[in-house]
Amino acid sequence: MASAFPSPMTSFSLQFSSFRPLSISSFAFSASSRFGVSITASNPSRCLSLFHLGSAIPQAQLFGAKASKLIRTVGNCIEAGATWNTVQASTTISEEDGLEWVKKDRRRLLHVVYRVGDLDKTIKFYTECLGMKLLRKRDIPEERYTNAFLGYGPEDSHFVVELTYNYGVDKYDIGTGFGHFGIAVEDVSKTVDLIKAKGGKVTREPGPVKGGKSVIAFIEDPDGYKFELLERGPTPEPLCQVMLRVGDLDRSIRFHEKAFGMVLLCKRDNPEYKYTIAMMGYGPEDKNVVLELTYNYGVKEYDKGNAYAQVFVDNIDFAKELE
C-alpha cells in the first residue's frame, strides 16, 4: 500500500473507515454511518480547500452529528483542531448559512479512485473494450504507487476514473458495499459483442432492467469491478454512474444533501425485488454523472473491502462510506 499520514494539512477525503488513504490524499475524513467524523493528516503536496470561508464551521452543523471537533480554514487549506467543544476561530457561521453556501457553490463529480492489481492490463481493457482514453499516467516511486487517469474526455469537463496500482499488490477485496459503475452507450448489444470479441467477461446479457424497459447489460473488468452498460442516446457524460449500497437510505440522502449540496434527482422503490434506489448529483441523469444509492430491504451492513477508495467532488476530495 502507498504510505499514509506523512505530514499535516491539505484537502479533505471522506473515506471508508476501514481504508488507509491513498498516499496523495490529504486529510482522511471518515464519516461513520451516523455521520461521526474522525480526521487524520496526510500529504501536503496538494492543497484543495473544503470551504473558502475564512471562518470556523462546526462539523455538527454540517453533518448533523454530535462532533467534538471543528474545521477551520487557513488560507486555502483546512486545519483540524483537537478539543473543539468551544469555538476556536474569531468567526462562526450558522447551519443555515453553511448549507446555503454549499448549495450555491458550483461543483461536480470529478473522478472516482480505486485500486487495481495489474495497471497495464486494466488500461488495455478500458481503452479497447470500453472506448476510454488514457488521459495521463504518473509514477510515484518514493511512495511505491502508480496512477492512471482514463475517461471519455478531458478531466476539466468529464468524470474520469483514477486507477491506483500499489507496488507488489496484485489483488484486492472489492467487498459487497461497492456496486458498479455505469456507462451510457447507444447500442448495448453491439458494445457487448465487442467486449466478448476482446475477451471481456459479460455477467448479464443485454435485456430490459428488472421492473422496467431500459436495456442494460453487465460486464466485469480484469479486477472484478462491475460495469453496467445503459442504452441511451448521445450524452456529454458517458461515464454516468457510481452505484453504492447503503444500510440507511434516508440518512445517506440527508448526508449528501447537507455535506455536498447534492440534489435528490429521483427515488424509486421496487417492492417486487425488495430494493429502493436514490439518484443523487448536480444535474439531470442524462447529462451528468450521478451517485446511485441502493438500499436492499433488511440489509443494514456491507463488507467494505479494500479496493474501492473514493470519489472527488469539485474542490472537495471525499469518499462515500458504505453503511
Protein backbone atom coordinates (compact mmCIF):
# COMPACT_ATOMS: atom_id res chain seq x y z
CA MET A 1 0.00 0.00 0.00
CA ALA A 2 1.10 3.57 -0.51
CA SER A 3 2.36 5.27 2.61
CA ALA A 4 -0.08 7.16 4.75
CA PHE A 5 -0.12 10.22 7.01
CA PRO A 6 3.37 11.65 6.44
CA SER A 7 2.61 15.27 7.23
CA PRO A 8 -0.15 17.72 8.14
CA MET A 9 -2.89 19.65 6.46
CA THR A 10 -4.26 19.54 2.98
CA SER A 11 -7.63 18.72 1.39
CA PHE A 12 -10.40 16.53 2.72
CA SER A 13 -11.24 12.97 1.84
CA LEU A 14 -14.32 11.17 3.11
CA GLN A 15 -13.22 7.56 3.09
CA PHE A 16 -14.36 4.14 4.18
CA SER A 17 -13.38 3.91 7.81
CA SER A 18 -11.54 0.66 7.19
CA PHE A 19 -9.33 2.13 4.46
CA ARG A 20 -5.94 3.67 4.67
CA PRO A 21 -5.98 6.71 2.36
CA LEU A 22 -4.07 6.75 -0.88
CA SER A 23 -0.77 8.49 -0.50
CA ILE A 24 -1.87 11.56 -2.45
CA SER A 25 -4.88 12.03 -0.22
CA SER A 26 -4.86 14.73 2.34
CA PHE A 27 -6.95 14.63 5.47
CA ALA A 28 -8.53 11.23 5.82
CA PHE A 29 -12.02 12.36 6.73
CA SER A 30 -14.00 9.31 7.79
CA ALA A 31 -17.77 9.66 8.17
CA SER A 32 -19.41 6.83 10.06
CA SER A 33 -22.88 5.52 9.34
CA ARG A 34 -24.16 8.02 11.90
CA PHE A 35 -22.04 10.85 10.50
CA GLY A 36 -19.42 10.75 13.24
CA VAL A 37 -16.16 12.24 12.00
CA SER A 38 -12.50 11.41 12.54
CA ILE A 39 -9.65 13.35 10.98
CA THR A 40 -6.05 12.41 10.30
CA ALA A 41 -3.45 14.30 8.32
CA SER A 42 -1.61 13.32 5.18
CA ASN A 43 0.40 14.55 2.22
CA PRO A 44 0.74 18.35 1.76
CA SER A 45 1.60 18.09 -1.94
CA ARG A 46 -1.89 19.14 -2.91
CA CYS A 47 -3.89 21.82 -1.13
CA LEU A 48 -7.55 21.73 -2.09
CA SER A 49 -9.88 23.56 0.23
CA LEU A 50 -13.18 22.34 1.55
CA PHE A 51 -14.50 25.75 2.50
CA HIS A 52 -13.19 29.15 1.36
CA LEU A 53 -14.98 30.93 4.17
CA GLY A 54 -12.22 32.29 6.35
CA SER A 55 -14.22 31.07 9.31
CA ALA A 56 -14.80 28.08 11.55
CA ILE A 57 -17.52 25.60 10.71
CA PRO A 58 -18.69 23.17 13.37
CA GLN A 59 -18.87 19.67 11.94
CA ALA A 60 -22.02 19.01 13.94
CA GLN A 61 -23.75 21.74 11.95
CA LEU A 62 -22.60 20.47 8.59
CA PHE A 63 -23.06 16.75 9.11
CA GLY A 64 -25.98 16.59 11.51
CA ALA A 65 -23.88 14.83 14.14
CA LYS A 66 -22.54 15.32 17.61
CA ALA A 67 -18.96 16.34 17.00
CA SER A 68 -16.10 17.20 19.29
CA LYS A 69 -14.00 18.82 16.57
CA LEU A 70 -14.11 21.86 14.38
CA ILE A 71 -12.91 22.62 10.87
CA ARG A 72 -11.06 25.91 10.43
CA THR A 73 -9.89 27.38 7.15
CA VAL A 74 -6.31 28.61 6.95
CA GLY A 75 -5.64 30.35 3.68
CA ASN A 76 -6.74 27.87 1.02
CA CYS A 77 -6.31 24.88 3.32
CA ILE A 78 -8.26 23.28 6.13
CA GLU A 79 -6.93 22.95 9.63
CA ALA A 80 -8.22 20.36 12.09
CA GLY A 81 -8.31 21.33 15.73
CA ALA A 82 -8.30 18.91 18.66
CA THR A 83 -10.72 19.56 21.52
CA TRP A 84 -13.42 21.61 19.90
CA ASN A 85 -16.48 21.77 22.04
CA THR A 86 -15.88 25.53 22.01
CA VAL A 87 -15.25 27.81 19.06
CA GLN A 88 -11.57 28.31 18.17
CA ALA A 89 -11.90 30.89 15.43
CA SER A 90 -12.93 34.50 15.56
CA THR A 91 -15.96 33.96 13.31
CA THR A 92 -18.54 31.20 13.05
CA ILE A 93 -21.40 30.70 10.64
CA SER A 94 -24.84 29.33 11.25
CA GLU A 95 -26.01 25.98 9.94
CA GLU A 96 -28.34 27.76 7.53
CA ASP A 97 -25.51 29.91 6.13
CA GLY A 98 -23.22 26.89 5.78
CA LEU A 99 -25.79 24.86 3.90
CA GLU A 100 -26.71 27.83 1.71
CA TRP A 101 -23.05 28.21 0.74
CA VAL A 102 -22.89 24.55 -0.22
CA LYS A 103 -25.99 24.90 -2.40
CA LYS A 104 -24.69 27.98 -4.22
CA ASP A 105 -21.17 26.65 -4.77
CA ARG A 106 -20.80 25.28 -8.28
CA ARG A 107 -19.44 21.77 -8.11
CA ARG A 108 -19.43 18.47 -9.93
CA LEU A 109 -18.21 14.93 -9.52
CA LEU A 110 -14.63 14.90 -10.81
CA HIS A 111 -13.27 11.38 -10.63
CA VAL A 112 -13.52 8.06 -8.83
CA VAL A 113 -10.48 6.35 -7.30
CA TYR A 114 -9.97 2.63 -6.91
CA ARG A 115 -7.16 0.09 -6.70
CA VAL A 116 -6.18 -2.46 -9.34
CA GLY A 117 -3.71 -5.35 -9.37
CA ASP A 118 -2.41 -5.04 -12.96
CA LEU A 119 -2.45 -1.47 -14.21
CA ASP A 120 -1.42 -2.14 -17.82
CA LYS A 121 -3.97 -4.94 -18.21
CA THR A 122 -6.74 -2.72 -16.85
CA ILE A 123 -5.76 0.20 -19.08
CA LYS A 124 -5.84 -2.11 -22.10
CA PHE A 125 -9.32 -3.35 -21.18
CA TYR A 126 -10.72 0.15 -20.62
CA THR A 127 -9.31 1.57 -23.84
CA GLU A 128 -10.00 -1.38 -26.14
CA CYS A 129 -13.28 -2.69 -24.69
CA LEU A 130 -14.89 0.38 -23.12
CA GLY A 131 -13.57 3.01 -25.50
CA MET A 132 -11.94 5.18 -22.84
CA LYS A 133 -8.82 7.25 -23.43
CA LEU A 134 -5.71 7.20 -21.28
CA LEU A 135 -5.55 10.85 -20.21
CA ARG A 136 -2.40 10.72 -18.09
CA LYS A 137 -0.25 8.38 -16.07
CA ARG A 138 2.12 9.15 -13.22
CA ASP A 139 4.51 7.02 -11.22
CA ILE A 140 5.47 7.92 -7.64
CA PRO A 141 8.35 5.53 -6.83
CA GLU A 142 9.12 7.07 -3.45
CA GLU A 143 5.56 6.25 -2.37
CA ARG A 144 5.52 2.96 -4.33
CA TYR A 145 2.40 3.53 -6.39
CA THR A 146 1.31 4.49 -9.92
CA ASN A 147 -1.85 6.31 -11.03
CA ALA A 148 -3.59 6.28 -14.40
CA PHE A 149 -6.48 8.57 -15.33
CA LEU A 150 -8.93 7.39 -18.00
CA GLY A 151 -12.21 8.69 -19.36
CA TYR A 152 -14.20 9.90 -22.34
CA GLY A 153 -12.93 13.46 -22.40
CA PRO A 154 -10.66 16.00 -20.66
CA GLU A 155 -10.59 15.94 -16.86
CA ASP A 156 -11.69 19.57 -16.62
CA SER A 157 -15.03 18.72 -18.23
CA HIS A 158 -15.61 14.98 -17.77
CA PHE A 159 -15.91 12.47 -14.96
CA VAL A 160 -12.92 10.11 -15.09
CA VAL A 161 -11.52 7.06 -13.31
CA GLU A 162 -8.26 7.20 -11.36
CA LEU A 163 -6.70 3.74 -11.18
CA THR A 164 -4.15 3.16 -8.43
CA TYR A 165 -1.55 0.41 -8.56
CA ASN A 166 0.40 -0.13 -5.33
CA TYR A 167 3.74 -1.82 -5.95
CA GLY A 168 3.61 -5.54 -5.31
CA VAL A 169 -0.14 -5.74 -4.60
CA ASP A 170 -1.88 -7.78 -7.30
CA LYS A 171 -5.27 -8.44 -5.71
CA TYR A 172 -7.90 -6.61 -3.65
CA ASP A 173 -11.18 -7.41 -1.98
CA ILE A 174 -13.94 -5.38 -3.63
CA GLY A 175 -16.41 -6.23 -0.88
CA THR A 176 -20.19 -6.11 -1.12
CA GLY A 177 -20.77 -2.40 -0.49
CA PHE A 178 -19.47 -1.18 -3.83
CA GLY A 179 -21.94 -1.94 -6.59
CA HIS A 180 -20.89 -0.90 -10.08
CA PHE A 181 -20.05 1.90 -12.47
CA GLY A 182 -22.48 2.93 -15.19
CA ILE A 183 -21.56 3.67 -18.81
CA ALA A 184 -24.08 5.05 -21.29
CA VAL A 185 -23.86 3.56 -24.80
CA GLU A 186 -26.07 3.94 -27.84
CA ASP A 187 -26.28 0.20 -28.58
CA VAL A 188 -25.80 -2.20 -25.66
CA SER A 189 -25.83 -5.35 -27.82
CA LYS A 190 -23.11 -4.11 -30.16
CA THR A 191 -20.98 -3.00 -27.21
CA VAL A 192 -21.36 -6.41 -25.56
CA ASP A 193 -20.36 -8.15 -28.81
CA LEU A 194 -17.22 -6.01 -28.98
CA ILE A 195 -16.33 -6.78 -25.38
CA LYS A 196 -16.80 -10.50 -25.97
CA ALA A 197 -14.60 -10.32 -29.08
CA LYS A 198 -11.87 -8.74 -26.97
CA GLY A 199 -12.12 -11.48 -24.38
CA GLY A 200 -14.11 -9.48 -21.83
CA LYS A 201 -16.41 -11.08 -19.27
CA VAL A 202 -20.16 -10.48 -19.65
CA THR A 203 -22.12 -11.27 -16.47
CA ARG A 204 -25.56 -10.23 -17.73
CA GLU A 205 -26.62 -10.36 -21.34
CA PRO A 206 -28.42 -7.36 -22.89
CA GLY A 207 -32.06 -7.05 -21.95
CA PRO A 208 -34.63 -4.93 -20.09
CA VAL A 209 -33.89 -3.98 -16.49
CA LYS A 210 -35.97 -5.77 -13.85
CA GLY A 211 -39.24 -3.94 -13.45
CA GLY A 212 -38.54 -1.55 -16.36
CA LYS A 213 -37.92 -1.14 -20.07
CA SER A 214 -34.39 0.28 -20.20
CA VAL A 215 -31.94 -2.05 -21.96
CA ILE A 216 -28.86 -2.86 -19.90
CA ALA A 217 -26.03 -5.38 -19.61
CA PHE A 218 -23.32 -6.05 -17.05
CA ILE A 219 -19.64 -6.76 -17.59
CA GLU A 220 -16.59 -7.18 -15.35
CA ASP A 221 -13.13 -5.72 -15.74
CA PRO A 222 -9.95 -7.74 -15.03
CA ASP A 223 -10.13 -6.93 -11.30
CA GLY A 224 -13.79 -7.85 -10.93
CA TYR A 225 -15.27 -4.34 -10.88
CA LYS A 226 -18.71 -4.42 -12.46
CA PHE A 227 -19.86 -2.01 -15.17
CA GLU A 228 -23.48 -1.54 -16.13
CA LEU A 229 -23.99 -0.66 -19.78
CA LEU A 230 -27.08 1.54 -20.19
CA GLU A 231 -28.65 2.08 -23.60
CA ARG A 232 -29.13 5.82 -24.11
CA GLY A 233 -28.87 8.42 -26.81
CA PRO A 234 -25.78 10.64 -27.17
CA THR A 235 -24.68 12.12 -23.86
CA PRO A 236 -21.91 14.53 -22.82
CA GLU A 237 -21.07 12.25 -19.85
CA PRO A 238 -20.81 8.55 -20.89
CA LEU A 239 -19.27 7.52 -17.56
CA CYS A 240 -22.54 8.30 -15.84
CA GLN A 241 -23.00 6.40 -12.56
CA VAL A 242 -21.33 5.14 -9.41
CA MET A 243 -23.57 2.71 -7.51
CA LEU A 244 -23.04 2.13 -3.79
CA ARG A 245 -25.11 0.03 -1.39
CA VAL A 246 -26.18 1.68 1.85
CA GLY A 247 -27.80 0.45 5.05
CA ASP A 248 -29.96 3.52 5.73
CA LEU A 249 -31.10 5.23 2.55
CA ASP A 250 -32.78 8.26 4.11
CA ARG A 251 -29.73 9.00 6.26
CA SER A 252 -27.43 8.71 3.24
CA ILE A 253 -29.65 11.06 1.23
CA ARG A 254 -29.55 13.67 4.00
CA PHE A 255 -25.79 13.31 4.29
CA HIS A 256 -25.15 14.02 0.61
CA GLU A 257 -27.63 16.88 0.56
CA LYS A 258 -26.19 18.63 3.62
CA ALA A 259 -22.49 17.84 3.25
CA PHE A 260 -22.10 18.24 -0.51
CA GLY A 261 -25.14 20.10 -1.77
CA MET A 262 -26.25 17.22 -3.95
CA VAL A 263 -29.81 17.07 -5.19
CA LEU A 264 -32.08 14.05 -4.88
CA LEU A 265 -32.88 13.57 -8.56
CA CYS A 266 -35.25 10.66 -8.11
CA LYS A 267 -36.14 7.87 -5.71
CA ARG A 268 -37.61 4.59 -6.88
CA ASP A 269 -38.95 1.74 -4.78
CA ASN A 270 -39.21 -1.75 -6.24
CA PRO A 271 -41.03 -3.90 -3.68
CA GLU A 272 -41.22 -6.85 -6.07
CA TYR A 273 -37.43 -7.18 -5.96
CA LYS A 274 -37.07 -5.72 -2.45
CA TYR A 275 -34.85 -2.73 -3.08
CA THR A 276 -35.04 1.07 -3.28
CA ILE A 277 -32.66 3.37 -5.15
CA ALA A 278 -31.96 7.08 -4.91
CA MET A 279 -30.17 9.02 -7.63
CA MET A 280 -28.16 11.99 -6.37
CA GLY A 281 -25.99 14.51 -8.16
CA TYR A 282 -25.64 18.03 -9.53
CA GLY A 283 -27.77 17.82 -12.64
CA PRO A 284 -30.03 15.62 -14.80
CA GLU A 285 -29.04 11.96 -15.15
CA ASP A 286 -28.83 12.14 -18.94
CA LYS A 287 -26.21 14.89 -18.85
CA ASN A 288 -24.31 14.39 -15.58
CA VAL A 289 -22.71 11.64 -13.56
CA VAL A 290 -24.77 10.60 -10.54
CA LEU A 291 -24.43 8.55 -7.37
CA GLU A 292 -26.89 5.66 -7.29
CA LEU A 293 -27.53 4.73 -3.67
CA THR A 294 -29.16 1.31 -3.30
CA TYR A 295 -30.96 0.02 -0.23
CA ASN A 296 -31.78 -3.69 -0.17
CA TYR A 297 -34.65 -4.45 2.18
CA GLY A 298 -33.42 -5.56 5.59
CA VAL A 299 -29.69 -5.26 4.85
CA LYS A 300 -28.03 -2.79 7.23
CA GLU A 301 -24.33 -3.58 6.76
CA TYR A 302 -21.97 -4.45 3.93
CA ASP A 303 -18.40 -5.66 3.64
CA LYS A 304 -16.38 -2.61 2.60
CA GLY A 305 -13.39 -4.50 1.21
CA ASN A 306 -10.18 -2.62 0.42
CA ALA A 307 -10.41 -1.95 -3.31
CA TYR A 308 -12.87 0.89 -3.95
CA ALA A 309 -11.45 4.09 -2.47
CA GLN A 310 -13.17 7.43 -3.01
CA VAL A 311 -14.88 9.97 -5.25
CA PHE A 312 -13.64 13.54 -5.80
CA VAL A 313 -16.21 16.33 -5.85
CA ASP A 314 -15.29 19.71 -7.35
CA ASN A 315 -12.64 21.05 -4.93
CA ILE A 316 -13.62 18.52 -2.27
CA ASP A 317 -11.98 15.12 -2.06
CA PHE A 318 -14.36 12.69 -0.45
CA ALA A 319 -15.34 9.07 -0.40
CA LYS A 320 -18.78 7.82 0.37
CA GLU A 321 -18.64 5.49 3.32
CA LEU A 322 -20.85 2.45 2.94
CA GLU A 323 -23.12 1.91 5.87
